[in-house]
């Protein structure tokens, strides 16, 4: 990985614009480390025997905080380090298992500026495995208006996600 990051600026974003896709091969380690990081010790996220024999599902699966982290990664990989997540909402419809390839696809729904001058991008993101939709997500992300702007410096009344 390089030390330089692409940074999206407000004037580079247009309604209808597609974000680059992100695909990732999920392993059991992906599932277990996500559960550990979120301190989710429920066995269906790390114990294959429990998942299959007690829950009746095919394998261990990604938990909710792990999926949230993947959405955040997808969005901030696109915005660069100055992109600041304001809101995220998602609805899980299916599970992600080891051996699956997760694919994230995003689109810009709207671009706006609030009363404090913060540049906002509204996005729709879909997480799929093959032709199966796993999770739909909407997000609101602040991006810099210009070279001097940094949404991370906004506090109090200047930050209204």
N, C-alpha and C. Protein backbone atom coordinates (compact mmCIF):
# COMPACT_ATOMS: atom_id res chain seq x y z
N UNK A 1 0.86 -1.18 0.00
CA UNK A 1 0.00 0.00 0.00
C UNK A 1 0.90 1.24 0.00
N UNK A 2 0.51 2.23 -0.76
CA UNK A 2 1.32 3.44 -0.83
C UNK A 2 0.93 4.40 0.29
N UNK A 3 1.81 5.39 0.51
CA UNK A 3 1.55 6.39 1.55
C UNK A 3 0.64 7.51 1.06
N UNK A 4 0.37 7.57 -0.23
CA UNK A 4 -0.50 8.62 -0.75
C UNK A 4 -1.89 8.06 -0.98
N UNK A 5 -2.87 8.87 -0.68
CA UNK A 5 -4.26 8.46 -0.82
C UNK A 5 -4.97 9.39 -1.79
N UNK A 6 -5.85 8.82 -2.57
CA UNK A 6 -6.72 9.63 -3.41
C UNK A 6 -7.74 10.27 -2.48
N UNK A 7 -7.97 11.54 -2.63
CA UNK A 7 -8.97 12.23 -1.83
C UNK A 7 -10.05 12.78 -2.75
N UNK A 8 -11.27 12.39 -2.49
CA UNK A 8 -12.40 12.90 -3.25
C UNK A 8 -12.73 14.29 -2.73
N UNK A 9 -12.91 15.23 -3.64
CA UNK A 9 -13.36 16.58 -3.29
C UNK A 9 -14.80 16.73 -3.76
N UNK A 10 -15.51 17.61 -3.13
CA UNK A 10 -16.93 17.83 -3.39
C UNK A 10 -17.20 18.06 -4.88
N UNK A 11 -16.39 18.87 -5.56
CA UNK A 11 -16.65 19.19 -6.96
C UNK A 11 -16.42 18.00 -7.89
N UNK A 12 -15.82 16.91 -7.39
CA UNK A 12 -15.59 15.72 -8.21
C UNK A 12 -16.77 14.74 -8.18
N UNK A 13 -17.76 15.02 -7.35
CA UNK A 13 -18.85 14.07 -7.13
C UNK A 13 -20.11 14.56 -7.82
N UNK A 14 -20.79 13.65 -8.52
CA UNK A 14 -22.04 13.97 -9.21
C UNK A 14 -23.10 12.93 -8.90
N UNK A 15 -24.34 13.38 -8.86
CA UNK A 15 -25.46 12.46 -8.69
C UNK A 15 -25.43 11.43 -9.81
N UNK A 16 -25.66 10.16 -9.46
CA UNK A 16 -25.65 9.08 -10.43
C UNK A 16 -24.29 8.43 -10.63
N UNK A 17 -23.25 9.04 -10.11
CA UNK A 17 -21.90 8.53 -10.24
C UNK A 17 -21.78 7.17 -9.54
N UNK A 18 -21.05 6.25 -10.17
CA UNK A 18 -20.79 4.94 -9.57
C UNK A 18 -19.46 4.95 -8.84
N UNK A 19 -19.42 4.28 -7.72
CA UNK A 19 -18.18 4.08 -6.99
C UNK A 19 -17.50 2.83 -7.53
N UNK A 20 -16.19 2.74 -7.40
CA UNK A 20 -15.51 1.51 -7.82
C UNK A 20 -16.01 0.33 -6.98
N UNK A 21 -16.16 -0.83 -7.60
CA UNK A 21 -16.57 -2.02 -6.88
C UNK A 21 -15.43 -2.50 -5.98
N UNK A 22 -15.78 -3.17 -4.90
CA UNK A 22 -14.81 -3.81 -4.03
C UNK A 22 -15.25 -5.25 -3.85
N UNK A 23 -14.37 -6.19 -4.18
CA UNK A 23 -14.65 -7.61 -3.95
C UNK A 23 -13.63 -8.15 -2.96
N UNK A 24 -14.10 -9.06 -2.11
CA UNK A 24 -13.23 -9.62 -1.08
C UNK A 24 -13.62 -11.07 -0.83
N UNK A 25 -12.63 -11.95 -0.83
CA UNK A 25 -12.83 -13.37 -0.54
C UNK A 25 -12.90 -13.56 0.97
N UNK A 26 -14.02 -14.01 1.47
CA UNK A 26 -14.22 -14.20 2.90
C UNK A 26 -13.66 -15.55 3.33
N UNK A 27 -12.91 -15.54 4.41
CA UNK A 27 -12.39 -16.77 5.01
C UNK A 27 -12.97 -16.90 6.41
N UNK A 28 -12.76 -18.04 7.02
CA UNK A 28 -13.18 -18.21 8.41
C UNK A 28 -12.47 -17.19 9.30
N UNK A 29 -11.24 -16.87 8.97
CA UNK A 29 -10.49 -15.87 9.74
C UNK A 29 -11.17 -14.51 9.65
N UNK A 30 -11.66 -14.14 8.48
CA UNK A 30 -12.38 -12.88 8.31
C UNK A 30 -13.56 -12.81 9.27
N UNK A 31 -14.31 -13.90 9.33
CA UNK A 31 -15.50 -13.96 10.17
C UNK A 31 -15.13 -13.90 11.65
N UNK A 32 -14.18 -14.72 12.05
CA UNK A 32 -13.81 -14.81 13.47
C UNK A 32 -13.15 -13.52 13.96
N UNK A 33 -12.24 -12.96 13.19
CA UNK A 33 -11.58 -11.73 13.62
C UNK A 33 -12.57 -10.57 13.75
N UNK A 34 -13.55 -10.51 12.86
CA UNK A 34 -14.58 -9.48 12.96
C UNK A 34 -15.40 -9.64 14.23
N UNK A 35 -15.74 -10.87 14.56
CA UNK A 35 -16.49 -11.12 15.79
C UNK A 35 -15.66 -10.78 17.02
N UNK A 36 -14.39 -11.16 17.00
CA UNK A 36 -13.51 -10.85 18.14
C UNK A 36 -13.33 -9.34 18.31
N UNK A 37 -13.14 -8.64 17.20
CA UNK A 37 -12.92 -7.19 17.26
C UNK A 37 -14.12 -6.48 17.86
N UNK A 38 -15.31 -7.01 17.63
CA UNK A 38 -16.52 -6.38 18.17
C UNK A 38 -16.96 -7.03 19.49
N UNK A 39 -16.13 -7.91 20.01
CA UNK A 39 -16.39 -8.59 21.28
C UNK A 39 -17.71 -9.36 21.26
N UNK A 40 -17.98 -9.94 20.11
CA UNK A 40 -19.18 -10.75 19.92
C UNK A 40 -18.76 -12.21 20.04
N UNK A 41 -18.97 -12.78 21.20
CA UNK A 41 -18.50 -14.14 21.46
C UNK A 41 -19.57 -15.20 21.23
N UNK A 42 -20.67 -14.82 20.58
CA UNK A 42 -21.71 -15.81 20.29
C UNK A 42 -21.15 -16.85 19.33
N UNK A 43 -21.37 -18.12 19.62
CA UNK A 43 -20.69 -19.19 18.89
C UNK A 43 -21.00 -19.28 17.40
N UNK A 44 -22.11 -18.74 16.94
CA UNK A 44 -22.41 -18.85 15.51
C UNK A 44 -21.46 -18.04 14.64
N UNK A 45 -20.59 -17.23 15.28
CA UNK A 45 -19.60 -16.43 14.54
C UNK A 45 -18.19 -16.99 14.64
N UNK A 46 -18.02 -18.15 15.34
CA UNK A 46 -16.68 -18.72 15.41
C UNK A 46 -16.66 -20.25 15.53
N UNK A 47 -17.80 -20.87 15.78
CA UNK A 47 -17.84 -22.31 16.00
C UNK A 47 -18.70 -22.97 14.92
N UNK A 48 -18.03 -23.56 13.94
CA UNK A 48 -18.73 -24.17 12.80
C UNK A 48 -19.71 -25.25 13.25
N UNK A 49 -19.31 -26.10 14.19
CA UNK A 49 -20.18 -27.17 14.67
C UNK A 49 -21.47 -26.58 15.26
N UNK A 50 -21.34 -25.55 16.07
CA UNK A 50 -22.51 -24.90 16.67
C UNK A 50 -23.40 -24.31 15.57
N UNK A 51 -22.79 -23.60 14.63
CA UNK A 51 -23.56 -22.96 13.56
C UNK A 51 -24.35 -24.00 12.75
N UNK A 52 -23.71 -25.10 12.43
CA UNK A 52 -24.36 -26.10 11.60
C UNK A 52 -25.35 -26.95 12.39
N UNK A 53 -24.94 -27.44 13.54
CA UNK A 53 -25.76 -28.41 14.27
C UNK A 53 -26.77 -27.78 15.22
N UNK A 54 -26.49 -26.63 15.77
CA UNK A 54 -27.43 -25.99 16.69
C UNK A 54 -28.29 -24.94 15.98
N UNK A 55 -27.69 -24.22 15.02
CA UNK A 55 -28.45 -23.17 14.32
C UNK A 55 -29.01 -23.65 12.99
N UNK A 56 -28.49 -24.76 12.48
CA UNK A 56 -28.99 -25.30 11.22
C UNK A 56 -28.61 -24.50 9.99
N UNK A 57 -27.49 -23.79 10.07
CA UNK A 57 -27.03 -23.02 8.90
C UNK A 57 -25.75 -23.64 8.35
N UNK A 58 -25.31 -23.18 7.20
CA UNK A 58 -24.21 -23.85 6.51
C UNK A 58 -22.85 -23.65 7.17
N UNK A 59 -22.64 -22.53 7.88
CA UNK A 59 -21.31 -22.27 8.43
C UNK A 59 -21.41 -21.06 9.37
N UNK A 60 -20.27 -20.67 9.95
CA UNK A 60 -20.21 -19.43 10.70
C UNK A 60 -20.45 -18.28 9.72
N UNK A 61 -20.85 -17.11 10.23
CA UNK A 61 -21.18 -16.01 9.32
C UNK A 61 -20.80 -14.66 9.93
N UNK A 62 -20.64 -13.67 9.05
CA UNK A 62 -20.28 -12.31 9.48
C UNK A 62 -21.35 -11.75 10.41
N UNK A 63 -20.92 -11.12 11.49
CA UNK A 63 -21.88 -10.48 12.38
C UNK A 63 -22.17 -9.05 11.91
N UNK A 64 -23.11 -8.41 12.56
CA UNK A 64 -23.55 -7.08 12.15
C UNK A 64 -22.43 -6.04 12.23
N UNK A 65 -21.68 -5.93 13.34
CA UNK A 65 -20.60 -4.94 13.38
C UNK A 65 -19.52 -5.18 12.32
N UNK A 66 -19.27 -6.44 11.99
CA UNK A 66 -18.29 -6.75 10.95
C UNK A 66 -18.78 -6.23 9.61
N UNK A 67 -20.05 -6.45 9.29
CA UNK A 67 -20.59 -5.91 8.04
C UNK A 67 -20.53 -4.38 8.05
N UNK A 68 -20.88 -3.76 9.17
CA UNK A 68 -20.82 -2.29 9.26
C UNK A 68 -19.40 -1.81 8.98
N UNK A 69 -18.41 -2.49 9.52
CA UNK A 69 -17.02 -2.10 9.29
C UNK A 69 -16.64 -2.23 7.82
N UNK A 70 -17.14 -3.25 7.13
CA UNK A 70 -16.86 -3.40 5.70
C UNK A 70 -17.50 -2.28 4.90
N UNK A 71 -18.71 -1.87 5.26
CA UNK A 71 -19.33 -0.72 4.58
C UNK A 71 -18.51 0.54 4.82
N UNK A 72 -18.08 0.76 6.05
CA UNK A 72 -17.26 1.93 6.36
C UNK A 72 -15.97 1.91 5.57
N UNK A 73 -15.33 0.75 5.49
CA UNK A 73 -14.10 0.64 4.71
C UNK A 73 -14.37 0.99 3.25
N UNK A 74 -15.43 0.42 2.69
CA UNK A 74 -15.75 0.68 1.29
C UNK A 74 -15.93 2.18 1.04
N UNK A 75 -16.66 2.84 1.91
CA UNK A 75 -16.94 4.27 1.74
C UNK A 75 -15.69 5.12 1.94
N UNK A 76 -14.90 4.83 2.96
CA UNK A 76 -13.71 5.66 3.21
C UNK A 76 -12.57 5.32 2.26
N UNK A 77 -12.53 4.11 1.70
CA UNK A 77 -11.58 3.85 0.62
C UNK A 77 -11.88 4.76 -0.56
N UNK A 78 -13.16 5.00 -0.82
CA UNK A 78 -13.55 5.87 -1.93
C UNK A 78 -13.27 7.33 -1.62
N UNK A 79 -13.65 7.81 -0.43
CA UNK A 79 -13.49 9.23 -0.12
C UNK A 79 -12.05 9.62 0.16
N UNK A 80 -11.25 8.72 0.69
CA UNK A 80 -9.92 9.05 1.17
C UNK A 80 -10.01 9.45 2.63
N UNK A 81 -8.87 9.79 3.25
CA UNK A 81 -8.82 9.98 4.70
C UNK A 81 -9.63 11.16 5.24
N UNK A 82 -10.00 12.12 4.40
CA UNK A 82 -10.78 13.26 4.90
C UNK A 82 -12.29 13.03 4.82
N UNK A 83 -12.71 11.94 4.18
CA UNK A 83 -14.13 11.62 4.16
C UNK A 83 -14.58 11.21 5.56
N UNK A 84 -15.69 11.76 6.00
CA UNK A 84 -16.18 11.50 7.36
C UNK A 84 -17.62 10.99 7.30
N UNK A 85 -17.81 9.79 7.79
CA UNK A 85 -19.13 9.18 7.79
C UNK A 85 -20.04 9.92 8.75
N UNK A 86 -21.18 10.37 8.23
CA UNK A 86 -22.15 11.06 9.06
C UNK A 86 -23.23 10.12 9.55
N UNK A 87 -23.78 9.32 8.64
CA UNK A 87 -24.83 8.36 8.97
C UNK A 87 -24.68 7.13 8.09
N UNK A 88 -25.10 6.01 8.63
CA UNK A 88 -25.15 4.78 7.85
C UNK A 88 -26.35 3.98 8.33
N UNK A 89 -27.04 3.39 7.39
CA UNK A 89 -28.21 2.56 7.72
C UNK A 89 -28.18 1.39 6.76
N UNK A 90 -28.32 0.18 7.31
CA UNK A 90 -28.33 -0.96 6.41
C UNK A 90 -29.30 -2.02 6.90
N UNK A 91 -29.71 -2.84 5.94
CA UNK A 91 -30.66 -3.92 6.22
C UNK A 91 -30.07 -5.22 5.69
N UNK A 92 -29.81 -6.13 6.63
CA UNK A 92 -29.23 -7.42 6.28
C UNK A 92 -30.37 -8.36 5.85
N UNK A 93 -30.19 -8.99 4.68
CA UNK A 93 -31.20 -9.89 4.13
C UNK A 93 -30.73 -11.34 4.10
N UNK A 94 -29.44 -11.53 4.02
CA UNK A 94 -28.82 -12.86 3.95
C UNK A 94 -27.51 -12.83 4.72
N UNK A 95 -26.86 -13.96 4.82
CA UNK A 95 -25.60 -14.07 5.55
C UNK A 95 -24.42 -14.17 4.60
N UNK A 96 -23.24 -13.84 5.13
CA UNK A 96 -21.98 -13.98 4.41
C UNK A 96 -21.17 -15.05 5.13
N UNK A 97 -20.76 -16.07 4.39
CA UNK A 97 -20.07 -17.23 4.94
C UNK A 97 -18.64 -17.33 4.42
N UNK A 98 -17.78 -18.07 5.13
CA UNK A 98 -16.46 -18.36 4.57
C UNK A 98 -16.61 -19.02 3.20
N UNK A 99 -15.74 -18.64 2.28
CA UNK A 99 -15.82 -19.15 0.91
C UNK A 99 -16.60 -18.24 -0.02
N UNK A 100 -17.38 -17.31 0.55
CA UNK A 100 -18.12 -16.34 -0.27
C UNK A 100 -17.18 -15.24 -0.75
N UNK A 101 -17.50 -14.66 -1.88
CA UNK A 101 -16.84 -13.44 -2.34
C UNK A 101 -17.84 -12.32 -2.18
N UNK A 102 -17.54 -11.40 -1.25
CA UNK A 102 -18.40 -10.23 -1.05
C UNK A 102 -18.07 -9.22 -2.14
N UNK A 103 -19.10 -8.61 -2.71
CA UNK A 103 -18.88 -7.53 -3.67
C UNK A 103 -19.73 -6.33 -3.26
N UNK A 104 -19.06 -5.20 -3.10
CA UNK A 104 -19.72 -3.94 -2.76
C UNK A 104 -19.81 -3.09 -4.01
N UNK A 105 -21.00 -2.56 -4.27
CA UNK A 105 -21.26 -1.69 -5.42
C UNK A 105 -21.99 -0.47 -4.88
N UNK A 106 -21.51 0.72 -5.23
CA UNK A 106 -22.12 1.94 -4.72
C UNK A 106 -22.46 2.95 -5.79
N UNK A 107 -23.40 3.84 -5.44
CA UNK A 107 -23.85 4.88 -6.36
C UNK A 107 -24.17 6.14 -5.56
N UNK A 108 -23.85 7.30 -6.13
CA UNK A 108 -24.17 8.59 -5.52
C UNK A 108 -25.63 8.91 -5.81
N UNK A 109 -26.41 9.11 -4.74
CA UNK A 109 -27.82 9.45 -4.88
C UNK A 109 -28.04 10.96 -4.90
N UNK A 110 -27.24 11.70 -4.14
CA UNK A 110 -27.40 13.15 -4.06
C UNK A 110 -26.12 13.78 -3.54
N UNK A 111 -25.94 15.05 -3.90
CA UNK A 111 -24.82 15.85 -3.43
C UNK A 111 -25.40 17.17 -2.96
N UNK A 112 -24.99 17.62 -1.76
CA UNK A 112 -25.55 18.87 -1.23
C UNK A 112 -24.56 19.53 -0.27
N UNK A 113 -24.88 20.77 0.06
CA UNK A 113 -24.11 21.52 1.05
C UNK A 113 -25.08 21.97 2.13
N UNK A 114 -24.69 21.80 3.39
CA UNK A 114 -25.59 22.22 4.47
C UNK A 114 -25.36 23.70 4.82
N UNK A 115 -26.12 24.22 5.77
CA UNK A 115 -26.04 25.64 6.15
C UNK A 115 -24.69 26.03 6.71
N UNK A 116 -23.92 25.06 7.20
CA UNK A 116 -22.59 25.33 7.75
C UNK A 116 -21.49 25.22 6.70
N UNK A 117 -21.87 24.92 5.44
CA UNK A 117 -20.91 24.83 4.35
C UNK A 117 -20.26 23.46 4.20
N UNK A 118 -20.78 22.47 4.89
CA UNK A 118 -20.23 21.11 4.80
C UNK A 118 -20.78 20.44 3.54
N UNK A 119 -19.90 19.80 2.78
CA UNK A 119 -20.30 19.08 1.58
C UNK A 119 -20.70 17.66 1.91
N UNK A 120 -21.91 17.27 1.48
CA UNK A 120 -22.45 15.96 1.80
C UNK A 120 -22.72 15.15 0.55
N UNK A 121 -22.47 13.85 0.65
CA UNK A 121 -22.77 12.91 -0.41
C UNK A 121 -23.67 11.82 0.17
N UNK A 122 -24.83 11.62 -0.46
CA UNK A 122 -25.76 10.56 -0.08
C UNK A 122 -25.50 9.39 -1.03
N UNK A 123 -25.34 8.20 -0.47
CA UNK A 123 -24.98 7.04 -1.27
C UNK A 123 -25.87 5.84 -1.00
N UNK A 124 -26.02 5.00 -2.02
CA UNK A 124 -26.64 3.69 -1.88
C UNK A 124 -25.56 2.67 -2.17
N UNK A 125 -25.46 1.67 -1.30
CA UNK A 125 -24.45 0.62 -1.46
C UNK A 125 -25.14 -0.73 -1.35
N UNK A 126 -24.73 -1.64 -2.21
CA UNK A 126 -25.27 -3.00 -2.20
C UNK A 126 -24.12 -3.96 -1.93
N UNK A 127 -24.32 -4.85 -0.99
CA UNK A 127 -23.39 -5.95 -0.73
C UNK A 127 -24.03 -7.21 -1.27
N UNK A 128 -23.34 -7.88 -2.19
CA UNK A 128 -23.88 -9.11 -2.75
C UNK A 128 -22.84 -10.21 -2.71
N UNK A 129 -23.32 -11.41 -2.80
CA UNK A 129 -22.50 -12.61 -2.96
C UNK A 129 -23.07 -13.31 -4.18
N UNK A 130 -22.32 -13.28 -5.27
CA UNK A 130 -22.85 -13.80 -6.53
C UNK A 130 -24.04 -12.97 -6.94
N UNK A 131 -25.15 -13.63 -7.26
CA UNK A 131 -26.36 -12.90 -7.66
C UNK A 131 -27.31 -12.69 -6.48
N UNK A 132 -26.84 -12.97 -5.28
CA UNK A 132 -27.67 -12.89 -4.07
C UNK A 132 -27.36 -11.59 -3.33
N UNK A 133 -28.38 -10.73 -3.18
CA UNK A 133 -28.21 -9.52 -2.38
C UNK A 133 -28.15 -9.92 -0.92
N UNK A 134 -27.11 -9.46 -0.24
CA UNK A 134 -26.93 -9.78 1.18
C UNK A 134 -27.41 -8.61 2.03
N UNK A 135 -26.97 -7.42 1.70
CA UNK A 135 -27.30 -6.24 2.50
C UNK A 135 -27.41 -5.01 1.62
N UNK A 136 -28.44 -4.20 1.86
CA UNK A 136 -28.56 -2.89 1.23
C UNK A 136 -28.23 -1.83 2.26
N UNK A 137 -27.56 -0.78 1.81
CA UNK A 137 -27.08 0.24 2.73
C UNK A 137 -27.29 1.63 2.12
N UNK A 138 -27.62 2.59 2.97
CA UNK A 138 -27.59 3.99 2.58
C UNK A 138 -26.64 4.69 3.54
N UNK A 139 -25.95 5.70 3.04
CA UNK A 139 -24.98 6.41 3.87
C UNK A 139 -24.94 7.88 3.49
N UNK A 140 -24.53 8.68 4.45
CA UNK A 140 -24.32 10.12 4.26
C UNK A 140 -22.89 10.39 4.70
N UNK A 141 -22.08 10.89 3.77
CA UNK A 141 -20.66 11.08 4.02
C UNK A 141 -20.28 12.53 3.70
N UNK A 142 -19.55 13.14 4.63
CA UNK A 142 -19.02 14.48 4.40
C UNK A 142 -17.70 14.37 3.65
N UNK A 143 -17.54 15.21 2.63
CA UNK A 143 -16.29 15.26 1.87
C UNK A 143 -15.80 16.71 1.83
N UNK A 144 -14.49 16.91 1.68
CA UNK A 144 -13.96 18.28 1.66
C UNK A 144 -14.51 19.10 0.50
N UNK A 145 -14.85 20.37 0.79
CA UNK A 145 -15.32 21.28 -0.25
C UNK A 145 -14.17 21.81 -1.10
N UNK A 146 -12.97 21.91 -0.48
CA UNK A 146 -11.78 22.40 -1.18
C UNK A 146 -10.55 21.90 -0.45
N UNK A 147 -9.38 22.35 -0.87
CA UNK A 147 -8.11 21.89 -0.28
C UNK A 147 -7.99 22.21 1.21
N UNK A 148 -8.56 23.32 1.65
CA UNK A 148 -8.45 23.72 3.05
C UNK A 148 -9.48 23.06 3.96
N UNK A 149 -10.54 22.52 3.38
CA UNK A 149 -11.62 21.95 4.18
C UNK A 149 -11.26 20.54 4.64
N UNK A 150 -11.61 20.23 5.87
CA UNK A 150 -11.46 18.89 6.40
C UNK A 150 -12.66 18.61 7.30
N UNK A 151 -13.59 17.75 6.85
CA UNK A 151 -14.78 17.48 7.67
C UNK A 151 -14.46 17.00 9.08
N UNK A 152 -13.29 16.42 9.29
CA UNK A 152 -12.90 15.95 10.62
C UNK A 152 -12.65 17.11 11.58
N UNK A 153 -12.46 18.32 11.07
CA UNK A 153 -12.26 19.49 11.93
C UNK A 153 -13.57 20.14 12.34
N UNK A 154 -14.67 19.70 11.79
CA UNK A 154 -15.97 20.28 12.12
C UNK A 154 -16.45 19.75 13.47
N UNK A 155 -16.85 20.68 14.32
CA UNK A 155 -17.32 20.32 15.66
C UNK A 155 -18.57 21.14 15.99
N UNK A 156 -19.30 20.72 17.00
CA UNK A 156 -20.45 21.47 17.48
C UNK A 156 -21.45 21.77 16.39
N UNK A 157 -21.84 23.04 16.26
CA UNK A 157 -22.84 23.46 15.29
C UNK A 157 -22.37 23.30 13.84
N UNK A 158 -21.06 23.18 13.62
CA UNK A 158 -20.53 23.02 12.28
C UNK A 158 -20.61 21.57 11.81
N UNK A 159 -20.99 20.65 12.71
CA UNK A 159 -21.10 19.24 12.34
C UNK A 159 -22.51 18.75 12.63
N UNK A 160 -23.30 18.62 11.57
CA UNK A 160 -24.69 18.20 11.69
C UNK A 160 -24.96 17.04 10.74
N UNK A 161 -24.55 15.83 11.13
CA UNK A 161 -24.71 14.69 10.21
C UNK A 161 -26.16 14.30 10.05
